[in-house]
Amino acid sequence: MLLNKRISIFHFLNTIKFDVLFLGSYATLVGYMDQYGFLAKISIPIAITGVFGTAVALLLGFRTNQAYERWWEARIIWGAIVNDSRTLIRQTISFYDRLDEQYVYNVQEMANRQIVWCYALGESLRNLPFSPNVAGYIKFEDISDQNVPNAILLKHSQALTDARNEKTVNEFQQIQLDSTIARLCDSMGKCERIKNTVFPKAHSLLIHLIIYVFATMLPFGLDDKNVAVEIAITFFIPIIFVAIEKTSILMQDPFENQPMDTPVTDLATTIEINLKQMINSEEVPKREKSNEYYIL
C-alpha cells in the first residue's frame, strides 16, 4: 500500500516507459511531418477525434471504478480479518475454563495458530514461499494440504471440538467461537475469489487500442501552426489516458506483492502484536518503519 507522504513518481513512470517512448517519438515525428512534410495535406475533423476521446474517457472511468472496487473490497476483507482475529482470542480468553490446568496453553495455542494463519493466508495469496514461522508450523503439524490456510482453520475447529468434549467450553460458547472461525473462513474465500478472478483481457485490449487510435488521429485534427504546441498536445493527452489505464491495472490485483497491494504482511504483523499483547506474551514484535514509499 502506498504511503501518502512518499509516492515514487519514478516507479510509476517505469511502468509506462514504453508508452512514453512510443508516444513521444510518434508525437515528434508526426508533428514535424504535419507541419513541414507531406502529412500537412491530411486533415481529420476534430469532432471525429473527439468521439474517440469521449469513448476512451467513458471506458477508463468504468475500468478505474471496477479496479478500485476490487482493491477496496480486499482492504475491507482484511479489516474484517483483523477484527475477527481479535474477537477469536478475546472469546477464547473469556470462554475457556480458567480452572482448567491447560487454560494458558490452550489460549496461547489458539493465538499462535491464528497468527500463523494470517501470515500463511497473505503469503498464499501472493504466491510467496512461506516464512520460517509458517513453514515451521506446517512441518510441526505435518500439514500436507495444498491449501495451508484452510488446513490451519481446520486445526482451529478440531481444537474447539476437543475443548467441548473436555468440558472446557459449553455448547453455547462453542457455537460463538465456531461462528467467528466461520467468518474467518468466509474472508479467506473472498480473498481467493479476488485473486483467482482475472479481469477481462479483452476489455483491457479494447481500451488500449482505442487510446492509440485516438493518439494516431489527434495531430491531424489540430489546427495549431506551432509545431511545439502540436507535439505537446499529441503527447500529453494520450499519455494521461495511458497513465489512468496503468493505474487501474495496478489496482485491480491487490495480492501481487506490488507497492499498490493491500498490505497483508503489515496487517498480519498488526494482528500478531495485538494477539500477543492480549495473551500477555513476552515476545511481542516491534513494528519497523518502512524505508520505502509503500508497505506490504
C-alpha atoms as a PDB file:
ATOM      1  CA  MET A   1       0.000   0.000   0.000  1.00  0.00           C
ATOM      2  CA  LEU A   2       1.335   3.413  -0.916  1.00  0.00           C
ATOM      3  CA  LEU A   3       2.167   5.842   1.871  1.00  0.00           C
ATOM      4  CA  ASN A   4       0.551   9.249   1.435  1.00  0.00           C
ATOM      5  CA  LYS A   5       3.680  11.320   2.041  1.00  0.00           C
ATOM      6  CA  ARG A   6       6.086   9.235  -0.025  1.00  0.00           C
ATOM      7  CA  ILE A   7       4.993   8.355  -3.531  1.00  0.00           C
ATOM      8  CA  SER A   8       7.633   7.363  -6.083  1.00  0.00           C
ATOM      9  CA  ILE A   9       6.904   9.002  -9.410  1.00  0.00           C
ATOM     10  CA  PHE A  10       9.875   7.113 -10.861  1.00  0.00           C
ATOM     11  CA  HIS A  11       8.297   3.729 -10.127  1.00  0.00           C
ATOM     12  CA  PHE A  12       5.120   4.791 -11.897  1.00  0.00           C
ATOM     13  CA  LEU A  13       6.990   6.207 -14.883  1.00  0.00           C
ATOM     14  CA  ASN A  14       8.875   2.927 -15.119  1.00  0.00           C
ATOM     15  CA  THR A  15       5.580   1.108 -15.664  1.00  0.00           C
ATOM     16  CA  ILE A  16       4.674   3.311 -18.630  1.00  0.00           C
ATOM     17  CA  LYS A  17       8.171   3.922 -20.025  1.00  0.00           C
ATOM     18  CA  PHE A  18       7.491   2.119 -23.311  1.00  0.00           C
ATOM     19  CA  ASP A  19       4.285   4.098 -23.862  1.00  0.00           C
ATOM     20  CA  VAL A  20       6.163   7.330 -23.077  1.00  0.00           C
ATOM     21  CA  LEU A  21       8.900   6.468 -25.571  1.00  0.00           C
ATOM     22  CA  PHE A  22       6.464   5.423 -28.300  1.00  0.00           C
ATOM     23  CA  LEU A  23       4.070   8.344 -27.916  1.00  0.00           C
ATOM     24  CA  GLY A  24       6.932  10.817 -27.563  1.00  0.00           C
ATOM     25  CA  SER A  25       8.564   9.553 -30.747  1.00  0.00           C
ATOM     26  CA  TYR A  26       5.268   9.478 -32.607  1.00  0.00           C
ATOM     27  CA  ALA A  27       4.284  12.991 -31.484  1.00  0.00           C
ATOM     28  CA  THR A  28       7.652  14.436 -32.521  1.00  0.00           C
ATOM     29  CA  LEU A  29       7.789  12.688 -35.899  1.00  0.00           C
ATOM     30  CA  VAL A  30       4.184  13.334 -36.902  1.00  0.00           C
ATOM     31  CA  GLY A  31       4.286  16.876 -35.513  1.00  0.00           C
ATOM     32  CA  TYR A  32       7.132  17.854 -37.836  1.00  0.00           C
ATOM     33  CA  MET A  33       5.722  15.932 -40.795  1.00  0.00           C
ATOM     34  CA  ASP A  34       2.305  17.518 -40.268  1.00  0.00           C
ATOM     35  CA  GLN A  35       3.796  20.998 -40.240  1.00  0.00           C
ATOM     36  CA  TYR A  36       6.528  20.718 -42.839  1.00  0.00           C
ATOM     37  CA  GLY A  37       6.041  17.442 -44.702  1.00  0.00           C
ATOM     38  CA  PHE A  38       3.547  15.580 -46.838  1.00  0.00           C
ATOM     39  CA  LEU A  39       1.261  14.879 -43.839  1.00  0.00           C
ATOM     40  CA  ALA A  40       0.233  18.564 -43.876  1.00  0.00           C
ATOM     41  CA  LYS A  41      -2.361  17.697 -46.506  1.00  0.00           C
ATOM     42  CA  ILE A  42      -4.096  15.184 -44.223  1.00  0.00           C
ATOM     43  CA  SER A  43      -6.888  16.577 -42.085  1.00  0.00           C
ATOM     44  CA  ILE A  44      -9.326  14.740 -39.844  1.00  0.00           C
ATOM     45  CA  PRO A  45     -12.305  16.634 -38.387  1.00  0.00           C
ATOM     46  CA  ILE A  46     -11.715  17.235 -34.699  1.00  0.00           C
ATOM     47  CA  ALA A  47     -15.274  16.044 -33.998  1.00  0.00           C
ATOM     48  CA  ILE A  48     -14.302  12.508 -35.031  1.00  0.00           C
ATOM     49  CA  THR A  49     -11.240  12.613 -32.778  1.00  0.00           C
ATOM     50  CA  GLY A  50     -13.475  13.937 -30.009  1.00  0.00           C
ATOM     51  CA  VAL A  51     -15.762  10.908 -30.327  1.00  0.00           C
ATOM     52  CA  PHE A  52     -12.806   8.593 -29.717  1.00  0.00           C
ATOM     53  CA  GLY A  53     -11.646  10.766 -26.823  1.00  0.00           C
ATOM     54  CA  THR A  54     -15.090  10.562 -25.229  1.00  0.00           C
ATOM     55  CA  ALA A  55     -15.170   6.795 -25.694  1.00  0.00           C
ATOM     56  CA  VAL A  56     -11.760   6.472 -24.029  1.00  0.00           C
ATOM     57  CA  ALA A  57     -12.847   8.648 -21.106  1.00  0.00           C
ATOM     58  CA  LEU A  58     -16.015   6.594 -20.524  1.00  0.00           C
ATOM     59  CA  LEU A  59     -14.217   3.256 -20.762  1.00  0.00           C
ATOM     60  CA  LEU A  60     -11.414   4.429 -18.489  1.00  0.00           C
ATOM     61  CA  GLY A  61     -13.945   5.681 -15.951  1.00  0.00           C
ATOM     62  CA  PHE A  62     -15.617   2.270 -15.873  1.00  0.00           C
ATOM     63  CA  ARG A  63     -12.274   0.449 -15.754  1.00  0.00           C
ATOM     64  CA  THR A  64     -10.885   2.585 -12.924  1.00  0.00           C
ATOM     65  CA  ASN A  65     -14.079   2.233 -10.904  1.00  0.00           C
ATOM     66  CA  GLN A  66     -14.062  -1.560 -11.224  1.00  0.00           C
ATOM     67  CA  ALA A  67     -10.367  -1.780 -10.321  1.00  0.00           C
ATOM     68  CA  TYR A  68     -10.840   0.425  -7.263  1.00  0.00           C
ATOM     69  CA  GLU A  69     -13.788  -1.666  -6.120  1.00  0.00           C
ATOM     70  CA  ARG A  70     -11.615  -4.808  -6.210  1.00  0.00           C
ATOM     71  CA  TRP A  71      -8.812  -3.066  -4.303  1.00  0.00           C
ATOM     72  CA  TRP A  72     -11.170  -1.576  -1.724  1.00  0.00           C
ATOM     73  CA  GLU A  73     -13.023  -4.874  -1.233  1.00  0.00           C
ATOM     74  CA  ALA A  74      -9.696  -6.585  -0.488  1.00  0.00           C
ATOM     75  CA  ARG A  75      -8.903  -3.920   2.115  1.00  0.00           C
ATOM     76  CA  ILE A  76     -12.344  -4.305   3.724  1.00  0.00           C
ATOM     77  CA  ILE A  77     -11.893  -8.085   3.883  1.00  0.00           C
ATOM     78  CA  TRP A  78      -8.548  -7.775   5.633  1.00  0.00           C
ATOM     79  CA  GLY A  79     -10.029  -5.231   8.005  1.00  0.00           C
ATOM     80  CA  ALA A  80     -12.608  -7.883   8.919  1.00  0.00           C
ATOM     81  CA  ILE A  81      -9.805 -10.424   9.390  1.00  0.00           C
ATOM     82  CA  VAL A  82      -8.108  -8.084  11.866  1.00  0.00           C
ATOM     83  CA  ASN A  83     -11.342  -7.664  13.826  1.00  0.00           C
ATOM     84  CA  ASP A  84     -12.285 -11.349  13.770  1.00  0.00           C
ATOM     85  CA  SER A  85      -8.786 -12.377  14.857  1.00  0.00           C
ATOM     86  CA  ARG A  86      -9.061 -10.147  17.910  1.00  0.00           C
ATOM     87  CA  THR A  87     -12.574 -11.423  18.572  1.00  0.00           C
ATOM     88  CA  LEU A  88     -11.480 -15.058  18.355  1.00  0.00           C
ATOM     89  CA  ILE A  89      -8.784 -14.652  21.000  1.00  0.00           C
ATOM     90  CA  ARG A  90     -10.972 -12.455  23.200  1.00  0.00           C
ATOM     91  CA  GLN A  91     -13.649 -15.163  23.123  1.00  0.00           C
ATOM     92  CA  THR A  92     -11.047 -17.847  23.828  1.00  0.00           C
ATOM     93  CA  ILE A  93      -9.758 -15.931  26.838  1.00  0.00           C
ATOM     94  CA  SER A  94     -13.289 -15.305  28.118  1.00  0.00           C
ATOM     95  CA  PHE A  95     -14.932 -18.664  27.348  1.00  0.00           C
ATOM     96  CA  TYR A  96     -12.297 -21.261  28.165  1.00  0.00           C
ATOM     97  CA  ASP A  97     -12.477 -22.617  31.717  1.00  0.00           C
ATOM     98  CA  ARG A  98      -9.883 -20.729  33.748  1.00  0.00           C
ATOM     99  CA  LEU A  99      -9.790 -23.525  36.343  1.00  0.00           C
ATOM    100  CA  ASP A 100      -8.570 -25.991  33.736  1.00  0.00           C
ATOM    101  CA  GLU A 101      -4.854 -26.668  34.113  1.00  0.00           C
ATOM    102  CA  GLN A 102      -4.427 -26.389  30.342  1.00  0.00           C
ATOM    103  CA  TYR A 103      -6.105 -22.965  30.180  1.00  0.00           C
ATOM    104  CA  VAL A 104      -2.969 -20.898  29.497  1.00  0.00           C
ATOM    105  CA  TYR A 105      -1.636 -23.423  26.991  1.00  0.00           C
ATOM    106  CA  ASN A 106      -4.950 -23.611  25.118  1.00  0.00           C
ATOM    107  CA  VAL A 107      -5.240 -19.832  24.848  1.00  0.00           C
ATOM    108  CA  GLN A 108      -1.647 -19.432  23.684  1.00  0.00           C
ATOM    109  CA  GLU A 109      -2.045 -22.252  21.187  1.00  0.00           C
ATOM    110  CA  MET A 110      -5.152 -20.646  19.680  1.00  0.00           C
ATOM    111  CA  ALA A 111      -3.460 -17.236  19.462  1.00  0.00           C
ATOM    112  CA  ASN A 112      -0.262 -18.581  17.901  1.00  0.00           C
ATOM    113  CA  ARG A 113      -2.238 -20.651  15.410  1.00  0.00           C
ATOM    114  CA  GLN A 114      -4.274 -17.614  14.390  1.00  0.00           C
ATOM    115  CA  ILE A 115      -1.107 -15.565  13.908  1.00  0.00           C
ATOM    116  CA  VAL A 116       0.344 -18.285  11.672  1.00  0.00           C
ATOM    117  CA  TRP A 117      -2.926 -18.405   9.713  1.00  0.00           C
ATOM    118  CA  CYS A 118      -2.796 -14.665   8.956  1.00  0.00           C
ATOM    119  CA  TYR A 119       0.746 -14.853   7.605  1.00  0.00           C
ATOM    120  CA  ALA A 120       0.015 -18.072   5.707  1.00  0.00           C
ATOM    121  CA  LEU A 121      -3.048 -16.535   4.029  1.00  0.00           C
ATOM    122  CA  GLY A 122      -1.167 -13.437   2.894  1.00  0.00           C
ATOM    123  CA  GLU A 123       1.785 -15.439   1.581  1.00  0.00           C
ATOM    124  CA  SER A 124      -0.517 -17.885  -0.210  1.00  0.00           C
ATOM    125  CA  LEU A 125      -2.411 -15.067  -1.920  1.00  0.00           C
ATOM    126  CA  ARG A 126       0.877 -13.581  -3.135  1.00  0.00           C
ATOM    127  CA  ASN A 127       2.275 -16.985  -4.176  1.00  0.00           C
ATOM    128  CA  LEU A 128       5.326 -16.408  -1.983  1.00  0.00           C
ATOM    129  CA  PRO A 129       7.426 -19.052  -0.185  1.00  0.00           C
ATOM    130  CA  PHE A 130       6.222 -19.471   3.376  1.00  0.00           C
ATOM    131  CA  SER A 131       8.090 -17.525   6.048  1.00  0.00           C
ATOM    132  CA  PRO A 132      10.117 -19.521   8.620  1.00  0.00           C
ATOM    133  CA  ASN A 133       7.393 -19.246  11.259  1.00  0.00           C
ATOM    134  CA  VAL A 134       4.705 -20.593   8.917  1.00  0.00           C
ATOM    135  CA  ALA A 135       6.996 -23.252   7.423  1.00  0.00           C
ATOM    136  CA  GLY A 136       7.941 -24.397  10.927  1.00  0.00           C
ATOM    137  CA  TYR A 137       4.295 -24.733  11.919  1.00  0.00           C
ATOM    138  CA  ILE A 138       3.481 -26.697   8.744  1.00  0.00           C
ATOM    139  CA  LYS A 139       6.334 -29.103   9.454  1.00  0.00           C
ATOM    140  CA  PHE A 140       5.458 -29.458  13.153  1.00  0.00           C
ATOM    141  CA  GLU A 141       1.785 -30.158  12.438  1.00  0.00           C
ATOM    142  CA  ASP A 142       2.633 -32.293   9.386  1.00  0.00           C
ATOM    143  CA  ILE A 143       0.246 -30.349   7.143  1.00  0.00           C
ATOM    144  CA  SER A 144       0.248 -31.717   3.597  1.00  0.00           C
ATOM    145  CA  ASP A 145      -2.855 -29.903   2.292  1.00  0.00           C
ATOM    146  CA  GLN A 146      -2.406 -27.736  -0.776  1.00  0.00           C
ATOM    147  CA  ASN A 147      -4.484 -25.003   0.863  1.00  0.00           C
ATOM    148  CA  VAL A 148      -2.484 -24.379   4.035  1.00  0.00           C
ATOM    149  CA  PRO A 149      -4.671 -21.558   5.469  1.00  0.00           C
ATOM    150  CA  ASN A 150      -7.738 -23.792   5.177  1.00  0.00           C
ATOM    151  CA  ALA A 151      -5.873 -26.629   6.944  1.00  0.00           C
ATOM    152  CA  ILE A 152      -4.956 -24.259   9.786  1.00  0.00           C
ATOM    153  CA  LEU A 153      -8.608 -23.252  10.210  1.00  0.00           C
ATOM    154  CA  LEU A 154      -9.429 -26.938  10.432  1.00  0.00           C
ATOM    155  CA  LYS A 155      -6.949 -27.165  13.316  1.00  0.00           C
ATOM    156  CA  HIS A 156      -8.924 -24.364  14.996  1.00  0.00           C
ATOM    157  CA  SER A 157     -12.119 -26.369  14.652  1.00  0.00           C
ATOM    158  CA  GLN A 158     -10.509 -29.563  15.903  1.00  0.00           C
ATOM    159  CA  ALA A 159      -9.143 -27.772  18.972  1.00  0.00           C
ATOM    160  CA  LEU A 160     -12.601 -26.329  19.621  1.00  0.00           C
ATOM    161  CA  THR A 161     -14.187 -29.791  19.369  1.00  0.00           C
ATOM    162  CA  ASP A 162     -11.635 -31.157  21.838  1.00  0.00           C
ATOM    163  CA  ALA A 163     -12.401 -28.305  24.217  1.00  0.00           C
ATOM    164  CA  ARG A 164     -16.122 -29.077  24.019  1.00  0.00           C
ATOM    165  CA  ASN A 165     -15.527 -32.789  24.667  1.00  0.00           C
ATOM    166  CA  GLU A 166     -13.330 -31.967  27.651  1.00  0.00           C
ATOM    167  CA  LYS A 167     -15.997 -29.582  29.037  1.00  0.00           C
ATOM    168  CA  THR A 168     -13.574 -26.642  28.752  1.00  0.00           C
ATOM    169  CA  VAL A 169     -16.286 -24.727  26.895  1.00  0.00           C
ATOM    170  CA  ASN A 170     -20.025 -25.260  26.872  1.00  0.00           C
ATOM    171  CA  GLU A 171     -22.256 -25.712  23.843  1.00  0.00           C
ATOM    172  CA  PHE A 172     -23.216 -22.054  23.565  1.00  0.00           C
ATOM    173  CA  GLN A 173     -19.577 -20.937  23.783  1.00  0.00           C
ATOM    174  CA  GLN A 174     -18.616 -23.482  21.137  1.00  0.00           C
ATOM    175  CA  ILE A 175     -21.209 -22.034  18.768  1.00  0.00           C
ATOM    176  CA  GLN A 176     -19.911 -18.496  19.328  1.00  0.00           C
ATOM    177  CA  LEU A 177     -16.293 -19.489  18.699  1.00  0.00           C
ATOM    178  CA  ASP A 178     -17.265 -21.555  15.673  1.00  0.00           C
ATOM    179  CA  SER A 179     -19.153 -18.623  14.154  1.00  0.00           C
ATOM    180  CA  THR A 180     -16.003 -16.480  14.433  1.00  0.00           C
ATOM    181  CA  ILE A 181     -13.951 -19.205  12.725  1.00  0.00           C
ATOM    182  CA  ALA A 182     -16.637 -19.388  10.020  1.00  0.00           C
ATOM    183  CA  ARG A 183     -16.268 -15.643   9.386  1.00  0.00           C
ATOM    184  CA  LEU A 184     -12.509 -16.071   9.021  1.00  0.00           C
ATOM    185  CA  CYS A 185     -13.139 -18.862   6.508  1.00  0.00           C
ATOM    186  CA  ASP A 186     -15.571 -16.620   4.654  1.00  0.00           C
ATOM    187  CA  SER A 187     -12.964 -13.835   4.466  1.00  0.00           C
ATOM    188  CA  MET A 188     -10.391 -16.302   3.174  1.00  0.00           C
ATOM    189  CA  GLY A 189     -12.799 -17.389   0.424  1.00  0.00           C
ATOM    190  CA  LYS A 190     -13.460 -13.791  -0.605  1.00  0.00           C
ATOM    191  CA  CYS A 191      -9.718 -13.139  -0.914  1.00  0.00           C
ATOM    192  CA  GLU A 192      -9.309 -16.261  -3.029  1.00  0.00           C
ATOM    193  CA  ARG A 193     -12.179 -15.151  -5.261  1.00  0.00           C
ATOM    194  CA  ILE A 194     -10.493 -11.799  -5.925  1.00  0.00           C
ATOM    195  CA  LYS A 195      -7.139 -13.497  -6.509  1.00  0.00           C
ATOM    196  CA  ASN A 196      -8.487 -16.105  -8.908  1.00  0.00           C
ATOM    197  CA  THR A 197     -10.874 -13.874 -10.870  1.00  0.00           C
ATOM    198  CA  VAL A 198      -8.967 -12.441 -13.817  1.00  0.00           C
ATOM    199  CA  PHE A 199     -10.025  -9.012 -15.075  1.00  0.00           C
ATOM    200  CA  PRO A 200     -11.307  -9.479 -18.679  1.00  0.00           C
ATOM    201  CA  LYS A 201      -8.314  -9.202 -21.004  1.00  0.00           C
ATOM    202  CA  ALA A 202     -10.466  -8.233 -23.982  1.00  0.00           C
ATOM    203  CA  HIS A 203     -11.638  -5.134 -22.108  1.00  0.00           C
ATOM    204  CA  SER A 204      -8.040  -4.056 -21.451  1.00  0.00           C
ATOM    205  CA  LEU A 205      -7.025  -4.608 -25.070  1.00  0.00           C
ATOM    206  CA  LEU A 206     -10.029  -2.640 -26.318  1.00  0.00           C
ATOM    207  CA  ILE A 207      -9.205   0.368 -24.141  1.00  0.00           C
ATOM    208  CA  HIS A 208      -5.524   0.270 -25.115  1.00  0.00           C
ATOM    209  CA  LEU A 209      -6.411   0.035 -28.808  1.00  0.00           C
ATOM    210  CA  ILE A 210      -8.826   2.970 -28.666  1.00  0.00           C
ATOM    211  CA  ILE A 211      -6.246   5.093 -26.809  1.00  0.00           C
ATOM    212  CA  TYR A 212      -3.725   4.520 -29.600  1.00  0.00           C
ATOM    213  CA  VAL A 213      -6.305   5.130 -32.327  1.00  0.00           C
ATOM    214  CA  PHE A 214      -7.119   8.410 -30.588  1.00  0.00           C
ATOM    215  CA  ALA A 215      -3.395   9.266 -30.317  1.00  0.00           C
ATOM    216  CA  THR A 216      -2.913   8.480 -34.027  1.00  0.00           C
ATOM    217  CA  MET A 217      -5.790  10.709 -35.157  1.00  0.00           C
ATOM    218  CA  LEU A 218      -5.203  13.602 -32.741  1.00  0.00           C
ATOM    219  CA  PRO A 219      -2.448  15.572 -34.560  1.00  0.00           C
ATOM    220  CA  PHE A 220      -4.397  15.567 -37.837  1.00  0.00           C
ATOM    221  CA  GLY A 221      -7.341  17.303 -36.223  1.00  0.00           C
ATOM    222  CA  LEU A 222      -5.321  20.106 -34.619  1.00  0.00           C
ATOM    223  CA  ASP A 223      -5.389  23.483 -36.314  1.00  0.00           C
ATOM    224  CA  ASP A 224      -2.408  24.911 -34.444  1.00  0.00           C
ATOM    225  CA  LYS A 225       0.518  26.153 -36.562  1.00  0.00           C
ATOM    226  CA  ASN A 226       3.067  25.960 -33.734  1.00  0.00           C
ATOM    227  CA  VAL A 227       4.924  22.656 -34.015  1.00  0.00           C
ATOM    228  CA  ALA A 228       5.958  22.598 -30.354  1.00  0.00           C
ATOM    229  CA  VAL A 229       2.370  23.033 -29.191  1.00  0.00           C
ATOM    230  CA  GLU A 230       1.158  20.331 -31.567  1.00  0.00           C
ATOM    231  CA  ILE A 231       3.807  17.884 -30.326  1.00  0.00           C
ATOM    232  CA  ALA A 232       2.998  18.663 -26.694  1.00  0.00           C
ATOM    233  CA  ILE A 233      -0.750  18.144 -27.166  1.00  0.00           C
ATOM    234  CA  THR A 234      -0.234  14.973 -29.218  1.00  0.00           C
ATOM    235  CA  PHE A 235       1.970  13.562 -26.457  1.00  0.00           C
ATOM    236  CA  PHE A 236       0.431  14.692 -23.162  1.00  0.00           C
ATOM    237  CA  ILE A 237      -3.270  13.991 -23.757  1.00  0.00           C
ATOM    238  CA  PRO A 238      -2.797  10.317 -24.773  1.00  0.00           C
ATOM    239  CA  ILE A 239      -0.166   9.765 -22.070  1.00  0.00           C
ATOM    240  CA  ILE A 240      -2.652  10.939 -19.435  1.00  0.00           C
ATOM    241  CA  PHE A 241      -5.108   8.322 -20.693  1.00  0.00           C
ATOM    242  CA  VAL A 242      -2.352   5.685 -20.604  1.00  0.00           C
ATOM    243  CA  ALA A 243      -1.409   6.691 -17.048  1.00  0.00           C
ATOM    244  CA  ILE A 244      -5.009   6.314 -15.886  1.00  0.00           C
ATOM    245  CA  GLU A 245      -5.224   2.918 -17.583  1.00  0.00           C
ATOM    246  CA  LYS A 246      -1.988   1.715 -15.950  1.00  0.00           C
ATOM    247  CA  THR A 247      -3.174   2.916 -12.550  1.00  0.00           C
ATOM    248  CA  SER A 248      -6.330   0.834 -12.845  1.00  0.00           C
ATOM    249  CA  ILE A 249      -4.262  -2.198 -13.928  1.00  0.00           C
ATOM    250  CA  LEU A 250      -2.042  -1.840 -10.854  1.00  0.00           C
ATOM    251  CA  MET A 251      -5.077  -1.552  -8.564  1.00  0.00           C
ATOM    252  CA  GLN A 252      -7.135  -4.399  -9.982  1.00  0.00           C
ATOM    253  CA  ASP A 253      -4.944  -7.163  -8.485  1.00  0.00           C
ATOM    254  CA  PRO A 254      -4.363  -6.373  -4.778  1.00  0.00           C
ATOM    255  CA  PHE A 255      -2.396  -9.547  -3.956  1.00  0.00           C
ATOM    256  CA  GLU A 256       0.557  -9.401  -6.359  1.00  0.00           C
ATOM    257  CA  ASN A 257       3.329  -8.233  -3.970  1.00  0.00           C
ATOM    258  CA  GLN A 258       3.387  -4.796  -5.582  1.00  0.00           C
ATOM    259  CA  PRO A 259       3.501  -1.310  -3.976  1.00  0.00           C
ATOM    260  CA  MET A 260      -0.243  -0.726  -4.533  1.00  0.00           C
ATOM    261  CA  ASP A 261      -1.191  -4.061  -2.911  1.00  0.00           C
ATOM    262  CA  THR A 262      -3.367  -4.471   0.130  1.00  0.00           C
ATOM    263  CA  PRO A 263      -0.673  -4.546   2.886  1.00  0.00           C
ATOM    264  CA  VAL A 264      -1.413  -8.096   4.068  1.00  0.00           C
ATOM    265  CA  THR A 265       2.003  -8.609   5.702  1.00  0.00           C
ATOM    266  CA  ASP A 266       1.750  -5.359   7.641  1.00  0.00           C
ATOM    267  CA  LEU A 267      -1.792  -6.229   8.730  1.00  0.00           C
ATOM    268  CA  ALA A 268      -0.643  -9.700   9.800  1.00  0.00           C
ATOM    269  CA  THR A 269       2.052  -8.024  11.899  1.00  0.00           C
ATOM    270  CA  THR A 270      -0.619  -5.811  13.475  1.00  0.00           C
ATOM    271  CA  ILE A 271      -2.645  -8.906  14.321  1.00  0.00           C
ATOM    272  CA  GLU A 272       0.428 -10.622  15.804  1.00  0.00           C
ATOM    273  CA  ILE A 273       1.174  -7.622  18.023  1.00  0.00           C
ATOM    274  CA  ASN A 274      -2.439  -7.329  19.171  1.00  0.00           C
ATOM    275  CA  LEU A 275      -2.913 -11.018  19.926  1.00  0.00           C
ATOM    276  CA  LYS A 276       0.370 -11.411  21.780  1.00  0.00           C
ATOM    277  CA  GLN A 277      -0.466  -8.393  23.888  1.00  0.00           C
ATOM    278  CA  MET A 278      -3.877  -9.919  24.662  1.00  0.00           C
ATOM    279  CA  ILE A 279      -2.293 -13.142  25.968  1.00  0.00           C
ATOM    280  CA  ASN A 280       0.473 -11.227  27.811  1.00  0.00           C
ATOM    281  CA  SER A 281       3.229 -12.752  25.714  1.00  0.00           C
ATOM    282  CA  GLU A 282       6.796 -11.605  26.301  1.00  0.00           C
ATOM    283  CA  GLU A 283       7.624 -11.967  22.607  1.00  0.00           C
ATOM    284  CA  VAL A 284       5.663  -9.059  21.151  1.00  0.00           C
ATOM    285  CA  PRO A 285       7.338  -7.957  17.887  1.00  0.00           C
ATOM    286  CA  LYS A 286       8.184  -4.327  17.271  1.00  0.00           C
ATOM    287  CA  ARG A 287       6.808  -2.667  14.178  1.00  0.00           C
ATOM    288  CA  GLU A 288       9.551  -1.458  11.894  1.00  0.00           C
ATOM    289  CA  LYS A 289       9.103   1.774   9.961  1.00  0.00           C
ATOM    290  CA  SER A 290       9.220   1.364   6.220  1.00  0.00           C
ATOM    291  CA  ASN A 291      12.141   2.981   4.419  1.00  0.00           C
ATOM    292  CA  GLU A 292      10.234   2.756   1.151  1.00  0.00           C
ATOM    293  CA  TYR A 293       7.279   4.737  -0.160  1.00  0.00           C
ATOM    294  CA  TYR A 294       4.988   1.752   0.436  1.00  0.00           C
ATOM    295  CA  ILE A 295       4.258  -1.034   2.905  1.00  0.00           C
ATOM    296  CA  LEU A 296       3.436  -4.625   2.068  1.00  0.00           C
END
